[in-house]
Amino acid sequence: ETSSPKVEPGATVQMRAEGFAPATVVRVSVDGKAISPLT
């Protein structure tokens, strides 16, 4: 689920991703293009 399903161009959207092992690398992509990973 994201902070909003519809936004204006230039908006920042947040998605909470849960269910991973603690302190594991989480790879993030937008439209299949990788961006900076998170932990």
Full PDB file with SEQRES, HELIX, SHEET, SSBOND, CRYST1, ORIGX, SCALE, CONECT and MASTER records, all heavy atoms in Angstrom:
SEQRES   1 A   39  GLU THR SER SER PRO LYS VAL GLU PRO GLY ALA THR VAL          
SEQRES   2 A   39  GLN MET ARG ALA GLU GLY PHE ALA PRO ALA THR VAL VAL          
SEQRES   3 A   39  ARG VAL SER VAL ASP GLY LYS ALA ILE SER PRO LEU THR          
SHEET    1 AA1 2 VAL A  26  VAL A  30  0                                        
SHEET    2 AA1 2 LYS A  33  LEU A  38 -1                                        
CRYST1    1.000    1.000    1.000  90.00  90.00  90.00 P 1           1          
ORIGX1      1.000000  0.000000  0.000000        0.00000                         
ORIGX2      0.000000  1.000000  0.000000        0.00000                         
ORIGX3      0.000000  0.000000  1.000000        0.00000                         
SCALE1      1.000000  0.000000  0.000000        0.00000                         
SCALE2      0.000000  1.000000  0.000000        0.00000                         
SCALE3      0.000000  0.000000  1.000000        0.00000                         
ATOM      1  N   GLU A   1       0.850  -1.184   0.000  1.00  0.00           N  
ATOM      2  CA  GLU A   1       0.000   0.000   0.000  1.00  0.00           C  
ATOM      3  C   GLU A   1       0.883   1.230   0.000  1.00  0.00           C  
ATOM      4  O   GLU A   1       1.899   1.269   0.682  1.00  0.00           O  
ATOM      5  CB  GLU A   1      -0.911   0.008   1.226  1.00  0.00           C  
ATOM      6  CG  GLU A   1      -1.945  -1.091   1.185  1.00  0.00           C  
ATOM      7  CD  GLU A   1      -2.936  -0.977   2.329  1.00  0.00           C  
ATOM      8  OE1 GLU A   1      -3.122   0.126   2.866  1.00  0.00           O  
ATOM      9  OE2 GLU A   1      -3.519  -2.010   2.669  1.00  0.00           O  
ATOM     10  N   THR A   2       0.481   2.216  -0.780  1.00  0.00           N  
ATOM     11  CA  THR A   2       1.244   3.456  -0.862  1.00  0.00           C  
ATOM     12  C   THR A   2       0.514   4.580  -0.148  1.00  0.00           C  
ATOM     13  O   THR A   2      -0.666   4.456   0.179  1.00  0.00           O  
ATOM     14  CB  THR A   2       1.480   3.860  -2.325  1.00  0.00           C  
ATOM     15  OG1 THR A   2       0.213   4.027  -2.968  1.00  0.00           O  
ATOM     16  CG2 THR A   2       2.303   2.817  -3.058  1.00  0.00           C  
ATOM     17  N   SER A   3       1.218   5.682   0.050  1.00  0.00           N  
ATOM     18  CA  SER A   3       0.633   6.838   0.706  1.00  0.00           C  
ATOM     19  C   SER A   3      -0.506   7.422  -0.118  1.00  0.00           C  
ATOM     20  O   SER A   3      -1.405   8.045   0.423  1.00  0.00           O  
ATOM     21  CB  SER A   3       1.703   7.901   0.969  1.00  0.00           C  
ATOM     22  OG  SER A   3       2.417   8.187  -0.219  1.00  0.00           O  
ATOM     23  N   SER A   4      -0.501   7.214  -1.435  1.00  0.00           N  
ATOM     24  CA  SER A   4      -1.582   7.675  -2.302  1.00  0.00           C  
ATOM     25  C   SER A   4      -1.520   6.923  -3.622  1.00  0.00           C  
ATOM     26  O   SER A   4      -0.438   6.774  -4.197  1.00  0.00           O  
ATOM     27  CB  SER A   4      -1.447   9.180  -2.564  1.00  0.00           C  
ATOM     28  OG  SER A   4      -2.482   9.612  -3.424  1.00  0.00           O  
ATOM     29  N   PRO A   5      -2.663   6.432  -4.127  1.00  0.00           N  
ATOM     30  CA  PRO A   5      -2.651   5.710  -5.404  1.00  0.00           C  
ATOM     31  C   PRO A   5      -2.580   6.639  -6.620  1.00  0.00           C  
ATOM     32  O   PRO A   5      -2.239   6.204  -7.709  1.00  0.00           O  
ATOM     33  CB  PRO A   5      -3.957   4.930  -5.387  1.00  0.00           C  
ATOM     34  CG  PRO A   5      -4.866   5.748  -4.523  1.00  0.00           C  
ATOM     35  CD  PRO A   5      -3.965   6.394  -3.488  1.00  0.00           C  
ATOM     36  N   LYS A   6      -2.912   7.937  -6.425  1.00  0.00           N  
ATOM     37  CA  LYS A   6      -2.839   8.924  -7.504  1.00  0.00           C  
ATOM     38  C   LYS A   6      -2.144  10.169  -6.979  1.00  0.00           C  
ATOM     39  O   LYS A   6      -2.493  10.671  -5.907  1.00  0.00           O  
ATOM     40  CB  LYS A   6      -4.235   9.309  -7.999  1.00  0.00           C  
ATOM     41  CG  LYS A   6      -4.922   8.230  -8.773  1.00  0.00           C  
ATOM     42  CD  LYS A   6      -6.237   8.736  -9.332  1.00  0.00           C  
ATOM     43  CE  LYS A   6      -6.943   7.629 -10.095  1.00  0.00           C  
ATOM     44  NZ  LYS A   6      -8.237   8.073 -10.615  1.00  0.00           N  
ATOM     45  N   VAL A   7      -1.160  10.641  -7.733  1.00  0.00           N  
ATOM     46  CA  VAL A   7      -0.403  11.822  -7.318  1.00  0.00           C  
ATOM     47  C   VAL A   7      -0.134  12.717  -8.525  1.00  0.00           C  
ATOM     48  O   VAL A   7      -0.256  12.292  -9.669  1.00  0.00           O  
ATOM     49  CB  VAL A   7       0.943  11.434  -6.664  1.00  0.00           C  
ATOM     50  CG1 VAL A   7       0.717  10.643  -5.385  1.00  0.00           C  
ATOM     51  CG2 VAL A   7       1.822  10.671  -7.627  1.00  0.00           C  
ATOM     52  N   GLU A   8       0.266  13.945  -8.240  1.00  0.00           N  
ATOM     53  CA  GLU A   8       0.673  14.888  -9.277  1.00  0.00           C  
ATOM     54  C   GLU A   8       2.132  14.623  -9.650  1.00  0.00           C  
ATOM     55  O   GLU A   8       2.886  14.082  -8.837  1.00  0.00           O  
ATOM     56  CB  GLU A   8       0.561  16.325  -8.754  1.00  0.00           C  
ATOM     57  CG  GLU A   8      -0.825  16.755  -8.379  1.00  0.00           C  
ATOM     58  CD  GLU A   8      -0.836  18.158  -7.800  1.00  0.00           C  
ATOM     59  OE1 GLU A   8       0.076  18.953  -8.129  1.00  0.00           O  
ATOM     60  OE2 GLU A   8      -1.746  18.459  -7.027  1.00  0.00           O  
ATOM     61  N   PRO A   9       2.553  15.041 -10.855  1.00  0.00           N  
ATOM     62  CA  PRO A   9       3.970  14.898 -11.217  1.00  0.00           C  
ATOM     63  C   PRO A   9       4.859  15.602 -10.199  1.00  0.00           C  
ATOM     64  O   PRO A   9       4.564  16.701  -9.741  1.00  0.00           O  
ATOM     65  CB  PRO A   9       4.050  15.587 -12.584  1.00  0.00           C  
ATOM     66  CG  PRO A   9       2.664  15.473 -13.143  1.00  0.00           C  
ATOM     67  CD  PRO A   9       1.750  15.603 -11.949  1.00  0.00           C  
ATOM     68  N   GLY A  10       5.943  14.944  -9.801  1.00  0.00           N  
ATOM     69  CA  GLY A  10       6.886  15.502  -8.840  1.00  0.00           C  
ATOM     70  C   GLY A  10       6.600  15.126  -7.405  1.00  0.00           C  
ATOM     71  O   GLY A  10       7.378  15.458  -6.507  1.00  0.00           O  
ATOM     72  N   ALA A  11       5.516  14.411  -7.157  1.00  0.00           N  
ATOM     73  CA  ALA A  11       5.158  14.031  -5.793  1.00  0.00           C  
ATOM     74  C   ALA A  11       6.045  12.900  -5.278  1.00  0.00           C  
ATOM     75  O   ALA A  11       6.508  12.063  -6.049  1.00  0.00           O  
ATOM     76  CB  ALA A  11       3.693  13.601  -5.732  1.00  0.00           C  
ATOM     77  N   THR A  12       6.261  12.889  -3.977  1.00  0.00           N  
ATOM     78  CA  THR A  12       6.976  11.799  -3.330  1.00  0.00           C  
ATOM     79  C   THR A  12       5.939  10.823  -2.784  1.00  0.00           C  
ATOM     80  O   THR A  12       4.990  11.222  -2.111  1.00  0.00           O  
ATOM     81  CB  THR A  12       7.867  12.318  -2.189  1.00  0.00           C  
ATOM     82  OG1 THR A  12       8.848  13.188  -2.753  1.00  0.00           O  
ATOM     83  CG2 THR A  12       8.564  11.172  -1.471  1.00  0.00           C  
ATOM     84  N   VAL A  13       6.121   9.556  -3.105  1.00  0.00           N  
ATOM     85  CA  VAL A  13       5.204   8.503  -2.689  1.00  0.00           C  
ATOM     86  C   VAL A  13       5.947   7.581  -1.727  1.00  0.00           C  
ATOM     87  O   VAL A  13       7.122   7.281  -1.931  1.00  0.00           O  
ATOM     88  CB  VAL A  13       4.724   7.697  -3.913  1.00  0.00           C  
ATOM     89  CG1 VAL A  13       3.843   6.537  -3.491  1.00  0.00           C  
ATOM     90  CG2 VAL A  13       4.004   8.598  -4.894  1.00  0.00           C  
ATOM     91  N   GLN A  14       5.255   7.143  -0.686  1.00  0.00           N  
ATOM     92  CA  GLN A  14       5.851   6.204   0.249  1.00  0.00           C  
ATOM     93  C   GLN A  14       5.106   4.880   0.220  1.00  0.00           C  
ATOM     94  O   GLN A  14       3.882   4.857   0.082  1.00  0.00           O  
ATOM     95  CB  GLN A  14       5.825   6.762   1.672  1.00  0.00           C  
ATOM     96  CG  GLN A  14       6.730   7.963   1.836  1.00  0.00           C  
ATOM     97  CD  GLN A  14       6.790   8.432   3.272  1.00  0.00           C  
ATOM     98  OE1 GLN A  14       5.832   8.329   4.021  1.00  0.00           O  
ATOM     99  NE2 GLN A  14       7.949   8.945   3.654  1.00  0.00           N  
ATOM    100  N   MET A  15       5.864   3.789   0.323  1.00  0.00           N  
ATOM    101  CA  MET A  15       5.291   2.451   0.416  1.00  0.00           C  
ATOM    102  C   MET A  15       5.968   1.755   1.590  1.00  0.00           C  
ATOM    103  O   MET A  15       7.195   1.719   1.664  1.00  0.00           O  
ATOM    104  CB  MET A  15       5.532   1.656  -0.868  1.00  0.00           C  
ATOM    105  CG  MET A  15       4.983   0.231  -0.793  1.00  0.00           C  
ATOM    106  SD  MET A  15       5.286  -0.747  -2.288  1.00  0.00           S  
ATOM    107  CE  MET A  15       7.018  -1.197  -2.060  1.00  0.00           C  
ATOM    108  N   ARG A  16       5.173   1.206   2.483  1.00  0.00           N  
ATOM    109  CA  ARG A  16       5.732   0.424   3.600  1.00  0.00           C  
ATOM    110  C   ARG A  16       5.813  -1.023   3.144  1.00  0.00           C  
ATOM    111  O   ARG A  16       4.814  -1.621   2.782  1.00  0.00           O  
ATOM    112  CB  ARG A  16       4.864   0.555   4.837  1.00  0.00           C  
ATOM    113  CG  ARG A  16       5.453  -0.173   6.026  1.00  0.00           C  
ATOM    114  CD  ARG A  16       4.790   0.276   7.323  1.00  0.00           C  
ATOM    115  NE  ARG A  16       5.192  -0.559   8.438  1.00  0.00           N  
ATOM    116  CZ  ARG A  16       6.317  -0.417   9.129  1.00  0.00           C  
ATOM    117  NH1 ARG A  16       7.152   0.551   8.806  1.00  0.00           N  
ATOM    118  NH2 ARG A  16       6.612  -1.217  10.126  1.00  0.00           N  
ATOM    119  N   ALA A  17       7.003  -1.560   3.146  1.00  0.00           N  
ATOM    120  CA  ALA A  17       7.246  -2.941   2.731  1.00  0.00           C  
ATOM    121  C   ALA A  17       7.578  -3.754   3.976  1.00  0.00           C  
ATOM    122  O   ALA A  17       8.562  -3.478   4.647  1.00  0.00           O  
ATOM    123  CB  ALA A  17       8.383  -2.995   1.722  1.00  0.00           C  
ATOM    124  N   GLU A  18       6.749  -4.751   4.282  1.00  0.00           N  
ATOM    125  CA  GLU A  18       6.900  -5.537   5.506  1.00  0.00           C  
ATOM    126  C   GLU A  18       7.090  -7.014   5.182  1.00  0.00           C  
ATOM    127  O   GLU A  18       6.844  -7.454   4.070  1.00  0.00           O  
ATOM    128  CB  GLU A  18       5.654  -5.380   6.376  1.00  0.00           C  
ATOM    129  CG  GLU A  18       5.369  -3.953   6.784  1.00  0.00           C  
ATOM    130  CD  GLU A  18       4.067  -3.810   7.545  1.00  0.00           C  
ATOM    131  OE1 GLU A  18       3.108  -4.550   7.248  1.00  0.00           O  
ATOM    132  OE2 GLU A  18       4.009  -2.947   8.434  1.00  0.00           O  
ATOM    133  N   GLY A  19       7.501  -7.773   6.197  1.00  0.00           N  
ATOM    134  CA  GLY A  19       7.591  -9.220   6.072  1.00  0.00           C  
ATOM    135  C   GLY A  19       8.971  -9.751   5.729  1.00  0.00           C  
ATOM    136  O   GLY A  19       9.135 -10.939   5.469  1.00  0.00           O  
ATOM    137  N   PHE A  20       9.967  -8.893   5.752  1.00  0.00           N  
ATOM    138  CA  PHE A  20      11.332  -9.319   5.469  1.00  0.00           C  
ATOM    139  C   PHE A  20      12.009  -9.781   6.755  1.00  0.00           C  
ATOM    140  O   PHE A  20      11.547  -9.491   7.852  1.00  0.00           O  
ATOM    141  CB  PHE A  20      12.138  -8.174   4.849  1.00  0.00           C  
ATOM    142  CG  PHE A  20      11.552  -7.659   3.573  1.00  0.00           C  
ATOM    143  CD1 PHE A  20      10.872  -6.457   3.539  1.00  0.00           C  
ATOM    144  CD2 PHE A  20      11.668  -8.372   2.398  1.00  0.00           C  
ATOM    145  CE1 PHE A  20      10.321  -5.976   2.370  1.00  0.00           C  
ATOM    146  CE2 PHE A  20      11.123  -7.915   1.219  1.00  0.00           C  
ATOM    147  CZ  PHE A  20      10.445  -6.710   1.199  1.00  0.00           C  
ATOM    148  N   ALA A  21      13.112 -10.475   6.616  1.00  0.00           N  
ATOM    149  CA  ALA A  21      13.925 -10.813   7.781  1.00  0.00           C  
ATOM    150  C   ALA A  21      14.490  -9.503   8.355  1.00  0.00           C  
ATOM    151  O   ALA A  21      14.742  -8.562   7.608  1.00  0.00           O  
ATOM    152  CB  ALA A  21      15.060 -11.747   7.371  1.00  0.00           C  
ATOM    153  N   PRO A  22      14.679  -9.425   9.664  1.00  0.00           N  
ATOM    154  CA  PRO A  22      15.261  -8.209  10.243  1.00  0.00           C  
ATOM    155  C   PRO A  22      16.662  -7.948   9.683  1.00  0.00           C  
ATOM    156  O   PRO A  22      17.434  -8.876   9.427  1.00  0.00           O  
ATOM    157  CB  PRO A  22      15.343  -8.536  11.742  1.00  0.00           C  
ATOM    158  CG  PRO A  22      14.310  -9.600  11.954  1.00  0.00           C  
ATOM    159  CD  PRO A  22      14.312 -10.398  10.686  1.00  0.00           C  
ATOM    160  N   ALA A  23      16.971  -6.690   9.489  1.00  0.00           N  
ATOM    161  CA  ALA A  23      18.295  -6.233   9.047  1.00  0.00           C  
ATOM    162  C   ALA A  23      18.761  -6.902   7.752  1.00  0.00           C  
ATOM    163  O   ALA A  23      19.939  -7.191   7.593  1.00  0.00           O  
ATOM    164  CB  ALA A  23      19.324  -6.424  10.153  1.00  0.00           C  
ATOM    165  N   THR A  24      17.836  -7.119   6.821  1.00  0.00           N  
ATOM    166  CA  THR A  24      18.206  -7.699   5.525  1.00  0.00           C  
ATOM    167  C   THR A  24      18.181  -6.619   4.453  1.00  0.00           C  
ATOM    168  O   THR A  24      17.491  -5.613   4.590  1.00  0.00           O  
ATOM    169  CB  THR A  24      17.266  -8.864   5.148  1.00  0.00           C  
ATOM    170  OG1 THR A  24      17.838  -9.596   4.080  1.00  0.00           O  
ATOM    171  CG2 THR A  24      15.891  -8.392   4.720  1.00  0.00           C  
ATOM    172  N   VAL A  25      18.944  -6.817   3.407  1.00  0.00           N  
ATOM    173  CA  VAL A  25      18.963  -5.863   2.295  1.00  0.00           C  
ATOM    174  C   VAL A  25      17.648  -5.988   1.530  1.00  0.00           C  
ATOM    175  O   VAL A  25      17.214  -7.091   1.185  1.00  0.00           O  
ATOM    176  CB  VAL A  25      20.150  -6.130   1.347  1.00  0.00           C  
ATOM    177  CG1 VAL A  25      20.056  -5.250   0.109  1.00  0.00           C  
ATOM    178  CG2 VAL A  25      21.457  -5.897   2.077  1.00  0.00           C  
ATOM    179  N   VAL A  26      17.010  -4.843   1.298  1.00  0.00           N  
ATOM    180  CA  VAL A  26      15.771  -4.785   0.532  1.00  0.00           C  
ATOM    181  C   VAL A  26      16.063  -4.001  -0.740  1.00  0.00           C  
ATOM    182  O   VAL A  26      16.417  -2.827  -0.681  1.00  0.00           O  
ATOM    183  CB  VAL A  26      14.639  -4.119   1.347  1.00  0.00           C  
ATOM    184  CG1 VAL A  26      13.375  -3.988   0.516  1.00  0.00           C  
ATOM    185  CG2 VAL A  26      14.369  -4.904   2.627  1.00  0.00           C  
ATOM    186  N   ARG A  27      15.965  -4.665  -1.874  1.00  0.00           N  
ATOM    187  CA  ARG A  27      16.210  -4.030  -3.167  1.00  0.00           C  
ATOM    188  C   ARG A  27      14.929  -3.325  -3.613  1.00  0.00           C  
ATOM    189  O   ARG A  27      13.842  -3.897  -3.526  1.00  0.00           O  
ATOM    190  CB  ARG A  27      16.606  -5.062  -4.202  1.00  0.00           C  
ATOM    191  CG  ARG A  27      17.726  -5.961  -3.749  1.00  0.00           C  
ATOM    192  CD  ARG A  27      19.015  -5.579  -4.417  1.00  0.00           C  
ATOM    193  NE  ARG A  27      20.059  -6.540  -4.067  1.00  0.00           N  
ATOM    194  CZ  ARG A  27      21.167  -6.209  -3.465  1.00  0.00           C  
ATOM    195  NH1 ARG A  27      21.401  -4.967  -3.149  1.00  0.00           N  
ATOM    196  NH2 ARG A  27      22.073  -7.111  -3.185  1.00  0.00           N  
ATOM    197  N   VAL A  28      15.074  -2.108  -4.095  1.00  0.00           N  
ATOM    198  CA  VAL A  28      13.926  -1.302  -4.494  1.00  0.00           C  
ATOM    199  C   VAL A  28      14.032  -0.987  -5.976  1.00  0.00           C  
ATOM    200  O   VAL A  28      15.120  -0.689  -6.481  1.00  0.00           O  
ATOM    201  CB  VAL A  28      13.868   0.010  -3.672  1.00  0.00           C  
ATOM    202  CG1 VAL A  28      12.684   0.862  -4.091  1.00  0.00           C  
ATOM    203  CG2 VAL A  28      13.812  -0.306  -2.175  1.00  0.00           C  
ATOM    204  N   SER A  29      12.897  -1.053  -6.662  1.00  0.00           N  
ATOM    205  CA  SER A  29      12.879  -0.673  -8.071  1.00  0.00           C  
ATOM    206  C   SER A  29      11.593   0.091  -8.380  1.00  0.00           C  
ATOM    207  O   SER A  29      10.582  -0.056  -7.698  1.00  0.00           O  
ATOM    208  CB  SER A  29      12.991  -1.907  -8.984  1.00  0.00           C  
ATOM    209  OG  SER A  29      11.866  -2.734  -8.835  1.00  0.00           O  
ATOM    210  N   VAL A  30      11.682   0.934  -9.395  1.00  0.00           N  
ATOM    211  CA  VAL A  30      10.525   1.642  -9.923  1.00  0.00           C  
ATOM    212  C   VAL A  30      10.470   1.318 -11.405  1.00  0.00           C  
ATOM    213  O   VAL A  30      11.439   1.543 -12.128  1.00  0.00           O  
ATOM    214  CB  VAL A  30      10.636   3.168  -9.700  1.00  0.00           C  
ATOM    215  CG1 VAL A  30       9.454   3.886 -10.335  1.00  0.00           C  
ATOM    216  CG2 VAL A  30      10.741   3.486  -8.219  1.00  0.00           C  
ATOM    217  N   ASP A  31       9.355   0.735 -11.823  1.00  0.00           N  
ATOM    218  CA  ASP A  31       9.182   0.321 -13.212  1.00  0.00           C  
ATOM    219  C   ASP A  31      10.323  -0.571 -13.692  1.00  0.00           C  
ATOM    220  O   ASP A  31      10.781  -0.488 -14.822  1.00  0.00           O  
ATOM    221  CB  ASP A  31       9.036   1.541 -14.133  1.00  0.00           C  
ATOM    222  CG  ASP A  31       7.810   2.374 -13.776  1.00  0.00           C  
ATOM    223  OD1 ASP A  31       6.830   1.799 -13.261  1.00  0.00           O  
ATOM    224  OD2 ASP A  31       7.828   3.595 -14.011  1.00  0.00           O  
ATOM    225  N   GLY A  32      10.823  -1.413 -12.790  1.00  0.00           N  
ATOM    226  CA  GLY A  32      11.875  -2.365 -13.137  1.00  0.00           C  
ATOM    227  C   GLY A  32      13.283  -1.817 -13.090  1.00  0.00           C  
ATOM    228  O   GLY A  32      14.237  -2.554 -13.300  1.00  0.00           O  
ATOM    229  N   LYS A  33      13.438  -0.537 -12.776  1.00  0.00           N  
ATOM    230  CA  LYS A  33      14.768   0.072 -12.704  1.00  0.00           C  
ATOM    231  C   LYS A  33      15.183   0.180 -11.239  1.00  0.00           C  
ATOM    232  O   LYS A  33      14.497   0.798 -10.431  1.00  0.00           O  
ATOM    233  CB  LYS A  33      14.764   1.448 -13.354  1.00  0.00           C  
ATOM    234  CG  LYS A  33      14.480   1.364 -14.839  1.00  0.00           C  
ATOM    235  CD  LYS A  33      14.395   2.734 -15.462  1.00  0.00           C  
ATOM    236  CE  LYS A  33      13.981   2.575 -16.917  1.00  0.00           C  
ATOM    237  NZ  LYS A  33      13.532   3.821 -17.493  1.00  0.00           N  
ATOM    238  N   ALA A  34      16.315  -0.434 -10.923  1.00  0.00           N  
ATOM    239  CA  ALA A  34      16.795  -0.456  -9.538  1.00  0.00           C  
ATOM    240  C   ALA A  34      17.159   0.939  -9.059  1.00  0.00           C  
ATOM    241  O   ALA A  34      17.724   1.745  -9.795  1.00  0.00           O  
ATOM    242  CB  ALA A  34      18.001  -1.377  -9.426  1.00  0.00           C  
ATOM    243  N   ILE A  35      16.808   1.214  -7.796  1.00  0.00           N  
ATOM    244  CA  ILE A  35      17.256   2.432  -7.123  1.00  0.00           C  
ATOM    245  C   ILE A  35      17.987   1.977  -5.863  1.00  0.00           C  
ATOM    246  O   ILE A  35      18.165   0.784  -5.645  1.00  0.00           O  
ATOM    247  CB  ILE A  35      16.086   3.401  -6.830  1.00  0.00           C  
ATOM    248  CG1 ILE A  35      15.017   2.741  -5.952  1.00  0.00           C  
ATOM    249  CG2 ILE A  35      15.459   3.872  -8.128  1.00  0.00           C  
ATOM    250  CD1 ILE A  35      13.906   3.700  -5.543  1.00  0.00           C  
ATOM    251  N   SER A  36      18.392   2.880  -5.037  1.00  0.00           N  
ATOM    252  CA  SER A  36      19.209   2.543  -3.853  1.00  0.00           C  
ATOM    253  C   SER A  36      18.524   1.511  -2.966  1.00  0.00           C  
ATOM    254  O   SER A  36      17.351   1.667  -2.633  1.00  0.00           O  
ATOM    255  CB  SER A  36      19.474   3.795  -3.026  1.00  0.00           C  
ATOM    256  OG  SER A  36      20.216   4.720  -3.773  1.00  0.00           O  
ATOM    257  N   PRO A  37      19.264   0.479  -2.560  1.00  0.00           N  
ATOM    258  CA  PRO A  37      18.678  -0.520  -1.654  1.00  0.00           C  
ATOM    259  C   PRO A  37      18.522   0.043  -0.247  1.00  0.00           C  
ATOM    260  O   PRO A  37      19.161   1.029   0.113  1.00  0.00           O  
ATOM    261  CB  PRO A  37      19.694  -1.654  -1.682  1.00  0.00           C  
ATOM    262  CG  PRO A  37      20.985  -1.016  -2.060  1.00  0.00           C  
ATOM    263  CD  PRO A  37      20.639   0.158  -2.935  1.00  0.00           C  
ATOM    264  N   LEU A  38      17.660  -0.596   0.536  1.00  0.00           N  
ATOM    265  CA  LEU A  38      17.421  -0.233   1.924  1.00  0.00           C  
ATOM    266  C   LEU A  38      17.768  -1.423   2.800  1.00  0.00           C  
ATOM    267  O   LEU A  38      18.010  -2.517   2.299  1.00  0.00           O  
ATOM    268  CB  LEU A  38      15.941   0.122   2.125  1.00  0.00           C  
ATOM    269  CG  LEU A  38      15.381   1.247   1.264  1.00  0.00           C  
ATOM    270  CD1 LEU A  38      13.862   1.324   1.439  1.00  0.00           C  
ATOM    271  CD2 LEU A  38      16.023   2.568   1.638  1.00  0.00           C  
ATOM    272  N   THR A  39      17.751  -1.227   4.102  1.00  0.00           N  
ATOM    273  CA  THR A  39      17.917  -2.314   5.052  1.00  0.00           C  
ATOM    274  C   THR A  39      16.660  -2.351   5.908  1.00  0.00           C  
ATOM    275  O   THR A  39      16.219  -1.315   6.408  1.00  0.00           O  
ATOM    276  CB  THR A  39      19.151  -2.097   5.943  1.00  0.00           C  
ATOM    277  OG1 THR A  39      20.313  -2.011   5.111  1.00  0.00           O  
ATOM    278  CG2 THR A  39      19.332  -3.248   6.915  1.00  0.00           C  
TER     279      THR A  39                                                      
MASTER        0    0    0    0    2    0    0    6  278    1    0    3          
END                                                                             
